[in-house]
Amino acid sequence: MLRLRLLVLALLGAAAALGVTLLLQRQEAGMLRSELALRRESRAALARLRAENAQLAQQLPAAAQLAAMRADHAAVLRLRAEVEAVRDDVQQRERM
């Protein structure tokens, strides 16, 4: 009878240990599923950002085109200054 009680207690202890182990494994599996979902979302967001970056990079002017635009802008500024100088010269001559 004592052996039977010990055997029952041992089986109950083993069942409790197994239950705790299964519970811990389920919790860990849930956390891993959440982490996996987060990583998948991050990967999808990264793919979208890479595609957007490639699209924006194609919209940038080429280096030669950018240099030409800067030279044109500098020429416009220089011509504006020349126009102002000519206007000032004309106004001074009209005053005389």
N, C-alpha and C. Protein backbone atom coordinates (compact mmCIF):
# COMPACT_ATOMS: atom_id res chain seq x y z
N MET A 1 0.82 -1.19 0.00
CA MET A 1 0.00 0.00 0.00
C MET A 1 0.86 1.26 0.00
N LEU A 2 1.93 1.22 0.79
CA LEU A 2 2.86 2.35 0.84
C LEU A 2 3.53 2.55 -0.51
N ARG A 3 3.88 1.42 -1.14
CA ARG A 3 4.51 1.51 -2.46
C ARG A 3 3.53 2.11 -3.48
N LEU A 4 2.29 1.74 -3.37
CA LEU A 4 1.28 2.27 -4.30
C LEU A 4 1.11 3.77 -4.11
N ARG A 5 1.09 4.21 -2.86
CA ARG A 5 0.98 5.65 -2.59
C ARG A 5 2.21 6.40 -3.11
N LEU A 6 3.36 5.83 -2.87
CA LEU A 6 4.59 6.45 -3.37
C LEU A 6 4.58 6.51 -4.91
N LEU A 7 4.12 5.44 -5.52
CA LEU A 7 4.04 5.40 -6.98
C LEU A 7 3.05 6.45 -7.49
N VAL A 8 1.91 6.58 -6.84
CA VAL A 8 0.91 7.58 -7.22
C VAL A 8 1.48 8.98 -7.04
N LEU A 9 2.14 9.22 -5.90
CA LEU A 9 2.76 10.53 -5.67
C LEU A 9 3.84 10.82 -6.70
N ALA A 10 4.61 9.83 -7.03
CA ALA A 10 5.66 10.02 -8.05
C ALA A 10 5.03 10.34 -9.39
N LEU A 11 3.96 9.63 -9.74
CA LEU A 11 3.28 9.89 -11.01
C LEU A 11 2.64 11.29 -11.02
N LEU A 12 2.04 11.66 -9.89
CA LEU A 12 1.47 13.01 -9.81
C LEU A 12 2.55 14.08 -9.92
N GLY A 13 3.69 13.85 -9.27
CA GLY A 13 4.80 14.79 -9.37
C GLY A 13 5.33 14.89 -10.79
N ALA A 14 5.44 13.75 -11.46
CA ALA A 14 5.91 13.74 -12.84
C ALA A 14 4.90 14.46 -13.74
N ALA A 15 3.60 14.21 -13.50
CA ALA A 15 2.57 14.87 -14.30
C ALA A 15 2.60 16.39 -14.08
N ALA A 16 2.79 16.81 -12.82
CA ALA A 16 2.87 18.25 -12.53
C ALA A 16 4.09 18.86 -13.20
N ALA A 17 5.22 18.17 -13.13
CA ALA A 17 6.43 18.67 -13.78
C ALA A 17 6.24 18.75 -15.29
N LEU A 18 5.60 17.74 -15.86
CA LEU A 18 5.32 17.75 -17.29
C LEU A 18 4.38 18.89 -17.66
N GLY A 19 3.36 19.12 -16.81
CA GLY A 19 2.42 20.21 -17.07
C GLY A 19 3.11 21.56 -17.04
N VAL A 20 3.98 21.77 -16.06
CA VAL A 20 4.72 23.04 -15.97
C VAL A 20 5.63 23.19 -17.18
N THR A 21 6.28 22.11 -17.57
CA THR A 21 7.17 22.16 -18.73
C THR A 21 6.39 22.52 -19.99
N LEU A 22 5.23 21.90 -20.17
CA LEU A 22 4.40 22.20 -21.35
C LEU A 22 3.91 23.64 -21.33
N LEU A 23 3.54 24.12 -20.15
CA LEU A 23 3.08 25.50 -20.04
C LEU A 23 4.19 26.47 -20.41
N LEU A 24 5.39 26.22 -19.92
CA LEU A 24 6.53 27.08 -20.25
C LEU A 24 6.85 27.03 -21.74
N GLN A 25 6.75 25.84 -22.32
CA GLN A 25 7.03 25.72 -23.75
C GLN A 25 5.99 26.47 -24.58
N ARG A 26 4.72 26.42 -24.16
CA ARG A 26 3.68 27.16 -24.88
C ARG A 26 3.91 28.66 -24.79
N GLN A 27 4.30 29.13 -23.62
CA GLN A 27 4.57 30.56 -23.46
C GLN A 27 5.74 30.98 -24.34
N GLU A 28 6.78 30.17 -24.34
CA GLU A 28 7.94 30.50 -25.17
C GLU A 28 7.59 30.45 -26.65
N ALA A 29 6.78 29.47 -27.04
CA ALA A 29 6.36 29.39 -28.44
C ALA A 29 5.55 30.62 -28.83
N GLY A 30 4.70 31.09 -27.94
CA GLY A 30 3.93 32.31 -28.22
C GLY A 30 4.82 33.52 -28.38
N MET A 31 5.82 33.63 -27.52
CA MET A 31 6.75 34.76 -27.64
C MET A 31 7.55 34.67 -28.94
N LEU A 32 7.94 33.44 -29.30
CA LEU A 32 8.69 33.27 -30.55
C LEU A 32 7.82 33.59 -31.76
N ARG A 33 6.53 33.23 -31.71
CA ARG A 33 5.63 33.58 -32.81
C ARG A 33 5.51 35.10 -32.95
N SER A 34 5.39 35.77 -31.81
CA SER A 34 5.29 37.23 -31.84
C SER A 34 6.56 37.85 -32.41
N GLU A 35 7.70 37.33 -32.00
CA GLU A 35 8.97 37.86 -32.50
C GLU A 35 9.11 37.60 -34.00
N LEU A 36 8.68 36.43 -34.43
CA LEU A 36 8.74 36.10 -35.86
C LEU A 36 7.84 37.03 -36.66
N ALA A 37 6.64 37.29 -36.15
CA ALA A 37 5.73 38.21 -36.85
C ALA A 37 6.34 39.60 -36.94
N LEU A 38 6.96 40.05 -35.85
CA LEU A 38 7.60 41.36 -35.85
C LEU A 38 8.74 41.42 -36.86
N ARG A 39 9.52 40.36 -36.92
CA ARG A 39 10.63 40.33 -37.89
C ARG A 39 10.10 40.31 -39.33
N ARG A 40 9.00 39.61 -39.55
CA ARG A 40 8.43 39.60 -40.90
C ARG A 40 7.94 40.99 -41.29
N GLU A 41 7.30 41.67 -40.35
CA GLU A 41 6.85 43.03 -40.62
C GLU A 41 8.03 43.95 -40.88
N SER A 42 9.08 43.77 -40.11
CA SER A 42 10.28 44.60 -40.30
C SER A 42 10.90 44.35 -41.66
N ARG A 43 10.93 43.07 -42.06
CA ARG A 43 11.50 42.74 -43.36
C ARG A 43 10.67 43.34 -44.48
N ALA A 44 9.34 43.30 -44.33
CA ALA A 44 8.47 43.88 -45.35
C ALA A 44 8.66 45.40 -45.41
N ALA A 45 8.78 46.03 -44.24
CA ALA A 45 9.00 47.48 -44.21
C ALA A 45 10.35 47.81 -44.85
N LEU A 46 11.36 47.00 -44.58
CA LEU A 46 12.68 47.23 -45.16
C LEU A 46 12.63 47.11 -46.68
N ALA A 47 11.89 46.12 -47.16
CA ALA A 47 11.76 45.95 -48.61
C ALA A 47 11.07 47.16 -49.23
N ARG A 48 10.01 47.66 -48.56
CA ARG A 48 9.33 48.87 -49.08
C ARG A 48 10.27 50.06 -49.10
N LEU A 49 11.05 50.23 -48.04
CA LEU A 49 11.98 51.36 -47.98
C LEU A 49 13.08 51.25 -49.03
N ARG A 50 13.56 50.04 -49.26
CA ARG A 50 14.58 49.85 -50.30
C ARG A 50 14.02 50.20 -51.68
N ALA A 51 12.77 49.78 -51.93
CA ALA A 51 12.16 50.10 -53.22
C ALA A 51 11.96 51.60 -53.37
N GLU A 52 11.52 52.25 -52.30
CA GLU A 52 11.34 53.70 -52.34
C GLU A 52 12.67 54.41 -52.54
N ASN A 53 13.71 53.91 -51.87
CA ASN A 53 15.04 54.50 -52.01
C ASN A 53 15.54 54.38 -53.45
N ALA A 54 15.32 53.21 -54.05
CA ALA A 54 15.75 53.02 -55.45
C ALA A 54 14.99 53.96 -56.38
N GLN A 55 13.70 54.12 -56.12
CA GLN A 55 12.89 55.02 -56.95
C GLN A 55 13.37 56.47 -56.79
N LEU A 56 13.63 56.88 -55.57
CA LEU A 56 14.10 58.25 -55.34
C LEU A 56 15.49 58.47 -55.93
N ALA A 57 16.33 57.45 -55.86
CA ALA A 57 17.68 57.57 -56.42
C ALA A 57 17.62 57.77 -57.93
N GLN A 58 16.62 57.16 -58.58
CA GLN A 58 16.48 57.33 -60.02
C GLN A 58 16.00 58.74 -60.38
N GLN A 59 15.33 59.39 -59.44
CA GLN A 59 14.82 60.73 -59.71
C GLN A 59 15.88 61.80 -59.53
N LEU A 60 16.98 61.46 -58.88
CA LEU A 60 18.04 62.45 -58.69
C LEU A 60 18.70 62.77 -60.03
N PRO A 61 19.05 64.02 -60.22
CA PRO A 61 19.74 64.35 -61.48
C PRO A 61 21.14 63.74 -61.47
N ALA A 62 21.61 63.42 -62.66
CA ALA A 62 22.97 62.88 -62.79
C ALA A 62 23.97 63.97 -62.41
N ALA A 63 25.19 63.55 -62.10
CA ALA A 63 26.21 64.49 -61.65
C ALA A 63 26.47 65.57 -62.70
N ALA A 64 26.53 65.19 -63.97
CA ALA A 64 26.77 66.17 -65.03
C ALA A 64 25.60 67.14 -65.14
N GLN A 65 24.38 66.61 -65.03
CA GLN A 65 23.21 67.46 -65.10
C GLN A 65 23.17 68.42 -63.91
N LEU A 66 23.53 67.93 -62.74
CA LEU A 66 23.56 68.77 -61.55
C LEU A 66 24.60 69.88 -61.69
N ALA A 67 25.75 69.55 -62.24
CA ALA A 67 26.79 70.56 -62.45
C ALA A 67 26.31 71.62 -63.43
N ALA A 68 25.62 71.20 -64.49
CA ALA A 68 25.10 72.15 -65.48
C ALA A 68 24.05 73.06 -64.84
N MET A 69 23.20 72.48 -63.99
CA MET A 69 22.17 73.29 -63.31
C MET A 69 22.81 74.31 -62.38
N ARG A 70 23.87 73.91 -61.69
CA ARG A 70 24.56 74.84 -60.80
C ARG A 70 25.24 75.96 -61.59
N ALA A 71 25.81 75.60 -62.72
CA ALA A 71 26.44 76.62 -63.56
C ALA A 71 25.39 77.59 -64.11
N ASP A 72 24.24 77.05 -64.52
CA ASP A 72 23.16 77.90 -65.00
C ASP A 72 22.68 78.85 -63.90
N HIS A 73 22.55 78.33 -62.70
CA HIS A 73 22.11 79.16 -61.59
C HIS A 73 23.12 80.27 -61.32
N ALA A 74 24.40 79.94 -61.36
CA ALA A 74 25.43 80.95 -61.15
C ALA A 74 25.38 82.00 -62.26
N ALA A 75 25.13 81.56 -63.49
CA ALA A 75 25.03 82.49 -64.60
C ALA A 75 23.83 83.41 -64.43
N VAL A 76 22.72 82.87 -63.97
CA VAL A 76 21.53 83.69 -63.73
C VAL A 76 21.83 84.76 -62.68
N LEU A 77 22.47 84.36 -61.61
CA LEU A 77 22.82 85.33 -60.57
C LEU A 77 23.75 86.41 -61.10
N ARG A 78 24.72 86.00 -61.92
CA ARG A 78 25.66 86.97 -62.50
C ARG A 78 24.92 87.93 -63.44
N LEU A 79 24.00 87.41 -64.25
CA LEU A 79 23.25 88.25 -65.17
C LEU A 79 22.32 89.21 -64.42
N ARG A 80 21.73 88.74 -63.32
CA ARG A 80 20.90 89.64 -62.51
C ARG A 80 21.73 90.80 -61.97
N ALA A 81 22.92 90.49 -61.53
CA ALA A 81 23.80 91.55 -61.02
C ALA A 81 24.14 92.53 -62.15
N GLU A 82 24.39 92.02 -63.34
CA GLU A 82 24.70 92.89 -64.48
C GLU A 82 23.50 93.77 -64.82
N VAL A 83 22.29 93.19 -64.79
CA VAL A 83 21.09 93.96 -65.08
C VAL A 83 20.94 95.08 -64.05
N GLU A 84 21.15 94.78 -62.80
CA GLU A 84 21.05 95.80 -61.75
C GLU A 84 22.09 96.90 -61.98
N ALA A 85 23.29 96.50 -62.37
CA ALA A 85 24.33 97.49 -62.63
C ALA A 85 23.94 98.39 -63.81
N VAL A 86 23.38 97.79 -64.85
CA VAL A 86 22.96 98.58 -66.02
C VAL A 86 21.81 99.52 -65.62
N ARG A 87 20.86 99.03 -64.82
CA ARG A 87 19.74 99.88 -64.38
C ARG A 87 20.27 101.07 -63.58
N ASP A 88 21.20 100.79 -62.68
CA ASP A 88 21.78 101.87 -61.89
C ASP A 88 22.48 102.88 -62.79
N ASP A 89 23.19 102.38 -63.80
CA ASP A 89 23.90 103.27 -64.72
C ASP A 89 22.90 104.12 -65.51
N VAL A 90 21.78 103.51 -65.97
CA VAL A 90 20.77 104.24 -66.71
C VAL A 90 20.13 105.30 -65.82
N GLN A 91 19.83 104.95 -64.58
CA GLN A 91 19.22 105.92 -63.67
C GLN A 91 20.16 107.09 -63.38
N GLN A 92 21.45 106.81 -63.26
CA GLN A 92 22.41 107.89 -63.02
C GLN A 92 22.50 108.80 -64.24
N ARG A 93 22.44 108.25 -65.44
CA ARG A 93 22.53 109.06 -66.64
C ARG A 93 21.28 109.90 -66.82
N GLU A 94 20.10 109.34 -66.39
CA GLU A 94 18.86 110.10 -66.51
C GLU A 94 18.85 111.27 -65.56
N ARG A 95 19.54 111.18 -64.47
CA ARG A 95 19.57 112.26 -63.48
C ARG A 95 20.45 113.43 -63.98
N MET A 96 21.36 113.14 -64.85
CA MET A 96 22.25 114.19 -65.35
C MET A 96 21.64 115.05 -66.35
